[in-house]
């Protein structure tokens, strides 16, 4: 991965503050959560390594170079990218287990678990049902938390949805959607008509291209996290 991928990107993002229709871009103007097409200063290599030490994992190359060449947070898909700082608290919902294996198959496991919720009719008495339901709830909590292992939460999509960057395993560097808020687990973010997983750069640059067309009045399609 060459750093030339991000050449001119910071300037393109900041220029959108002068576009006549920038407020039509989803996630840009909403106070107090909108990003306003602002970007934080970039990180130095030393600061980036401090960030990685906090998470206990080396970040994927495209995201690393973005943090050092474009900005350490700010304007991006939906309500923007969470800030990455060498020290201090992480914005919620920070994932504290980035170095663990990412297991996308757990979404299907959680789906099957939800379908197996204990029923009172299947138990001889209330005590047995309560015990079975407590065990079911404990397993649900375990699976729910494990779904985001091996990922870093990078942005807020609104309504309890978040974008995740995979940090470990074969899918490292791809972007997924955390839709646990509606019981759908963690699913890949894909462009319409594409069967491939989006890398961080593909995800961000697609958003920027659509945002530019919308903000400069070149198309009528609202911008989201598609």
Protein backbone atom coordinates (compact mmCIF):
# COMPACT_ATOMS: atom_id res chain seq x y z
CA UNK A 1 0.00 0.00 0.00
CA UNK A 2 1.48 3.34 -1.03
CA UNK A 3 0.77 6.58 0.72
CA UNK A 4 -0.08 8.16 -2.66
CA UNK A 5 -3.61 6.83 -2.17
CA UNK A 6 -4.31 9.72 0.18
CA UNK A 7 -2.64 12.47 -1.85
CA UNK A 8 -4.87 15.54 -1.92
CA UNK A 9 -7.64 13.89 0.13
CA UNK A 10 -7.33 16.19 3.14
CA UNK A 11 -7.58 19.22 0.87
CA UNK A 12 -10.63 17.79 -0.92
CA UNK A 13 -12.42 17.19 2.38
CA UNK A 14 -11.69 20.62 3.82
CA UNK A 15 -12.75 22.30 0.55
CA UNK A 16 -16.25 20.93 1.02
CA UNK A 17 -16.81 23.50 3.77
CA UNK A 18 -17.10 26.04 0.94
CA UNK A 19 -19.49 23.98 -1.20
CA UNK A 20 -22.96 25.54 -1.67
CA UNK A 21 -24.87 22.41 -0.64
CA UNK A 22 -22.59 20.94 2.01
CA UNK A 23 -25.47 20.87 4.49
CA UNK A 24 -27.26 18.37 2.24
CA UNK A 25 -24.61 15.75 2.98
CA UNK A 26 -25.89 13.35 5.62
CA UNK A 27 -24.02 13.66 8.92
CA UNK A 28 -22.26 16.93 8.11
CA UNK A 29 -24.51 19.62 9.65
CA UNK A 30 -26.36 17.84 12.47
CA UNK A 31 -25.42 19.64 15.69
CA UNK A 32 -23.86 18.54 18.00
CA UNK A 33 -22.88 15.32 16.20
CA UNK A 34 -22.19 16.55 12.66
CA UNK A 35 -18.59 16.61 11.44
CA UNK A 36 -18.87 19.87 9.46
CA UNK A 37 -16.16 18.63 7.05
CA UNK A 38 -13.52 19.30 9.67
CA UNK A 39 -10.50 17.05 10.18
CA UNK A 40 -8.25 16.66 13.19
CA UNK A 41 -4.50 17.13 12.73
CA UNK A 42 -2.61 14.10 11.50
CA UNK A 43 -0.66 11.82 13.84
CA UNK A 44 3.08 11.42 13.86
CA UNK A 45 4.54 7.93 13.60
CA UNK A 46 5.33 8.03 17.32
CA UNK A 47 1.78 9.09 18.19
CA UNK A 48 0.36 6.38 15.96
CA UNK A 49 2.45 3.72 17.65
CA UNK A 50 1.16 4.96 21.00
CA UNK A 51 -2.40 4.55 19.69
CA UNK A 52 -1.61 1.00 18.59
CA UNK A 53 -0.14 0.17 21.98
CA UNK A 54 -3.41 1.27 23.57
CA UNK A 55 -5.34 -1.15 21.40
CA UNK A 56 -2.77 -3.92 21.57
CA UNK A 57 -2.64 -4.39 17.80
CA UNK A 58 -1.05 -2.88 14.71
CA UNK A 59 -3.69 -1.11 12.65
CA UNK A 60 -4.28 -1.97 8.96
CA UNK A 61 -2.06 -0.07 6.52
CA UNK A 62 -4.76 2.01 4.82
CA UNK A 63 -6.07 3.27 8.13
CA UNK A 64 -2.55 3.87 9.50
CA UNK A 65 -1.59 6.06 6.55
CA UNK A 66 -4.93 7.88 6.70
CA UNK A 67 -4.25 8.84 10.31
CA UNK A 68 -0.80 10.14 9.36
CA UNK A 69 -1.71 11.87 6.09
CA UNK A 70 -5.37 12.92 6.19
CA UNK A 71 -6.45 13.32 9.81
CA UNK A 72 -6.79 11.57 13.16
CA UNK A 73 -10.59 11.79 12.99
CA UNK A 74 -13.36 14.05 11.79
CA UNK A 75 -15.17 14.19 8.45
CA UNK A 76 -16.16 10.85 7.01
CA UNK A 77 -19.12 8.58 6.29
CA UNK A 78 -22.27 9.21 8.32
CA UNK A 79 -21.41 11.24 11.45
CA UNK A 80 -17.68 11.12 10.81
CA UNK A 81 -14.65 9.24 12.09
CA UNK A 82 -13.97 8.86 15.80
CA UNK A 83 -10.80 10.63 16.98
CA UNK A 84 -7.70 8.55 17.59
CA UNK A 85 -5.46 9.93 20.30
CA UNK A 86 -2.25 8.59 21.89
CA UNK A 87 -3.76 9.00 25.36
CA UNK A 88 -7.03 9.77 27.10
CA UNK A 89 -10.39 8.04 26.97
CA UNK A 90 -11.69 6.55 23.74
CA UNK A 91 -15.12 7.73 22.58
CA UNK A 92 -17.80 5.09 23.17
CA UNK A 93 -18.31 2.42 22.06
CA UNK A 94 -14.57 1.69 22.18
CA UNK A 95 -13.62 -1.92 21.56
CA UNK A 96 -11.06 -3.15 24.05
CA UNK A 97 -10.20 -6.47 22.44
CA UNK A 98 -8.77 -5.53 19.06
CA UNK A 99 -6.07 -8.20 19.06
CA UNK A 100 -8.50 -11.12 19.47
CA UNK A 101 -9.57 -13.07 16.36
CA UNK A 102 -12.39 -11.58 14.32
CA UNK A 103 -15.09 -14.25 13.90
CA UNK A 104 -17.82 -13.13 11.49
CA UNK A 105 -19.47 -16.53 11.76
CA UNK A 106 -20.66 -15.59 15.25
CA UNK A 107 -23.49 -13.54 13.76
CA UNK A 108 -25.07 -16.77 12.49
CA UNK A 109 -24.39 -18.43 15.84
CA UNK A 110 -26.17 -15.57 17.59
CA UNK A 111 -29.11 -15.86 15.19
CA UNK A 112 -29.50 -19.55 16.03
CA UNK A 113 -29.20 -18.78 19.73
CA UNK A 114 -31.98 -16.19 19.52
CA UNK A 115 -34.25 -18.79 17.93
CA UNK A 116 -33.58 -21.15 20.82
CA UNK A 117 -34.85 -18.92 23.63
CA UNK A 118 -36.28 -21.14 26.38
CA UNK A 119 -40.06 -21.42 26.64
CA UNK A 120 -41.96 -21.98 29.88
CA UNK A 121 -43.93 -24.81 28.30
CA UNK A 122 -40.74 -26.82 27.81
CA UNK A 123 -39.85 -26.85 31.52
CA UNK A 124 -41.43 -28.72 34.43
CA UNK A 125 -41.66 -25.74 36.76
CA UNK A 126 -40.87 -22.04 37.13
CA UNK A 127 -37.51 -22.63 38.81
CA UNK A 128 -36.27 -24.77 35.91
CA UNK A 129 -37.47 -22.20 33.39
CA UNK A 130 -35.80 -19.30 35.24
CA UNK A 131 -32.53 -21.22 35.44
CA UNK A 132 -32.64 -22.11 31.74
CA UNK A 133 -33.43 -18.54 30.76
CA UNK A 134 -30.60 -17.18 32.91
CA UNK A 135 -28.16 -19.52 31.15
CA UNK A 136 -29.58 -18.46 27.77
CA UNK A 137 -29.16 -14.78 28.66
CA UNK A 138 -25.56 -15.34 29.78
CA UNK A 139 -24.73 -17.02 26.47
CA UNK A 140 -26.44 -14.18 24.57
CA UNK A 141 -24.29 -11.61 26.40
CA UNK A 142 -21.17 -13.63 25.61
CA UNK A 143 -21.95 -13.86 21.89
CA UNK A 144 -23.09 -10.24 21.69
CA UNK A 145 -19.76 -9.00 23.08
CA UNK A 146 -17.65 -11.44 21.06
CA UNK A 147 -19.03 -10.19 17.74
CA UNK A 148 -16.80 -7.10 17.81
CA UNK A 149 -13.60 -8.86 18.89
CA UNK A 150 -10.81 -8.21 16.42
CA UNK A 151 -12.33 -4.89 15.33
CA UNK A 152 -11.96 -1.19 16.03
CA UNK A 153 -15.04 1.03 16.12
CA UNK A 154 -14.31 3.87 13.68
CA UNK A 155 -17.57 5.78 13.17
CA UNK A 156 -21.13 6.38 14.31
CA UNK A 157 -23.81 5.62 11.73
CA UNK A 158 -26.63 6.85 13.95
CA UNK A 159 -29.57 4.98 15.57
CA UNK A 160 -27.18 2.72 17.51
CA UNK A 161 -25.32 1.51 14.39
CA UNK A 162 -21.53 1.75 14.10
CA UNK A 163 -18.84 1.10 11.49
CA UNK A 164 -16.07 -1.32 12.45
CA UNK A 165 -12.62 -1.82 10.97
CA UNK A 166 -11.38 -5.42 11.10
CA UNK A 167 -7.91 -5.53 12.68
CA UNK A 168 -7.17 -9.27 12.72
CA UNK A 169 -7.42 -12.29 10.44
CA UNK A 170 -8.06 -12.82 6.72
CA UNK A 171 -10.59 -9.96 6.59
CA UNK A 172 -8.17 -7.47 8.14
CA UNK A 173 -8.59 -3.96 6.76
CA UNK A 174 -12.24 -4.37 5.69
CA UNK A 175 -15.14 -2.33 7.05
CA UNK A 176 -18.21 -3.89 8.67
CA UNK A 177 -21.43 -2.59 10.16
CA UNK A 178 -22.35 -3.18 13.80
CA UNK A 179 -26.14 -3.56 13.73
CA UNK A 180 -26.51 -5.37 17.03
CA UNK A 181 -28.94 -2.63 18.07
CA UNK A 182 -31.59 -4.29 15.89
CA UNK A 183 -30.44 -7.85 16.54
CA UNK A 184 -28.67 -8.34 13.20
CA UNK A 185 -25.12 -8.79 14.49
CA UNK A 186 -22.10 -7.59 12.53
CA UNK A 187 -22.36 -7.56 8.73
CA UNK A 188 -20.05 -6.45 5.91
CA UNK A 189 -20.51 -3.02 4.33
CA UNK A 190 -20.77 -3.45 0.57
CA UNK A 191 -21.48 -1.19 -2.38
CA UNK A 192 -24.71 -1.82 -4.25
CA UNK A 193 -24.11 -4.54 -6.83
CA UNK A 194 -20.76 -5.60 -5.38
CA UNK A 195 -20.07 -8.92 -3.70
CA UNK A 196 -16.64 -7.96 -2.37
CA UNK A 197 -15.72 -6.61 1.04
CA UNK A 198 -14.84 -2.93 1.17
CA UNK A 199 -11.40 -1.91 2.38
CA UNK A 200 -11.07 1.20 4.52
CA UNK A 201 -9.76 3.27 1.59
CA UNK A 202 -12.55 2.08 -0.74
CA UNK A 203 -15.14 2.90 1.93
CA UNK A 204 -13.77 6.37 2.65
CA UNK A 205 -13.02 7.41 -0.94
CA UNK A 206 -16.45 6.23 -2.12
CA UNK A 207 -18.04 8.41 0.55
CA UNK A 208 -15.88 11.38 -0.42
CA UNK A 209 -16.77 11.11 -4.11
CA UNK A 210 -20.49 10.95 -3.38
CA UNK A 211 -20.22 13.77 -0.83
CA UNK A 212 -18.45 15.99 -3.35
CA UNK A 213 -21.09 15.45 -6.01
CA UNK A 214 -23.86 16.15 -3.51
CA UNK A 215 -22.22 19.18 -1.87
CA UNK A 216 -21.35 20.82 -5.19
CA UNK A 217 -24.84 20.19 -6.59
CA UNK A 218 -23.80 17.62 -9.20
CA UNK A 219 -26.39 14.98 -8.27
CA UNK A 220 -29.59 14.64 -6.29
CA UNK A 221 -28.89 11.47 -4.36
CA UNK A 222 -28.60 11.93 -0.55
CA UNK A 223 -25.33 10.74 0.94
CA UNK A 224 -25.26 8.03 3.56
CA UNK A 225 -22.85 5.25 4.43
CA UNK A 226 -23.56 3.18 1.32
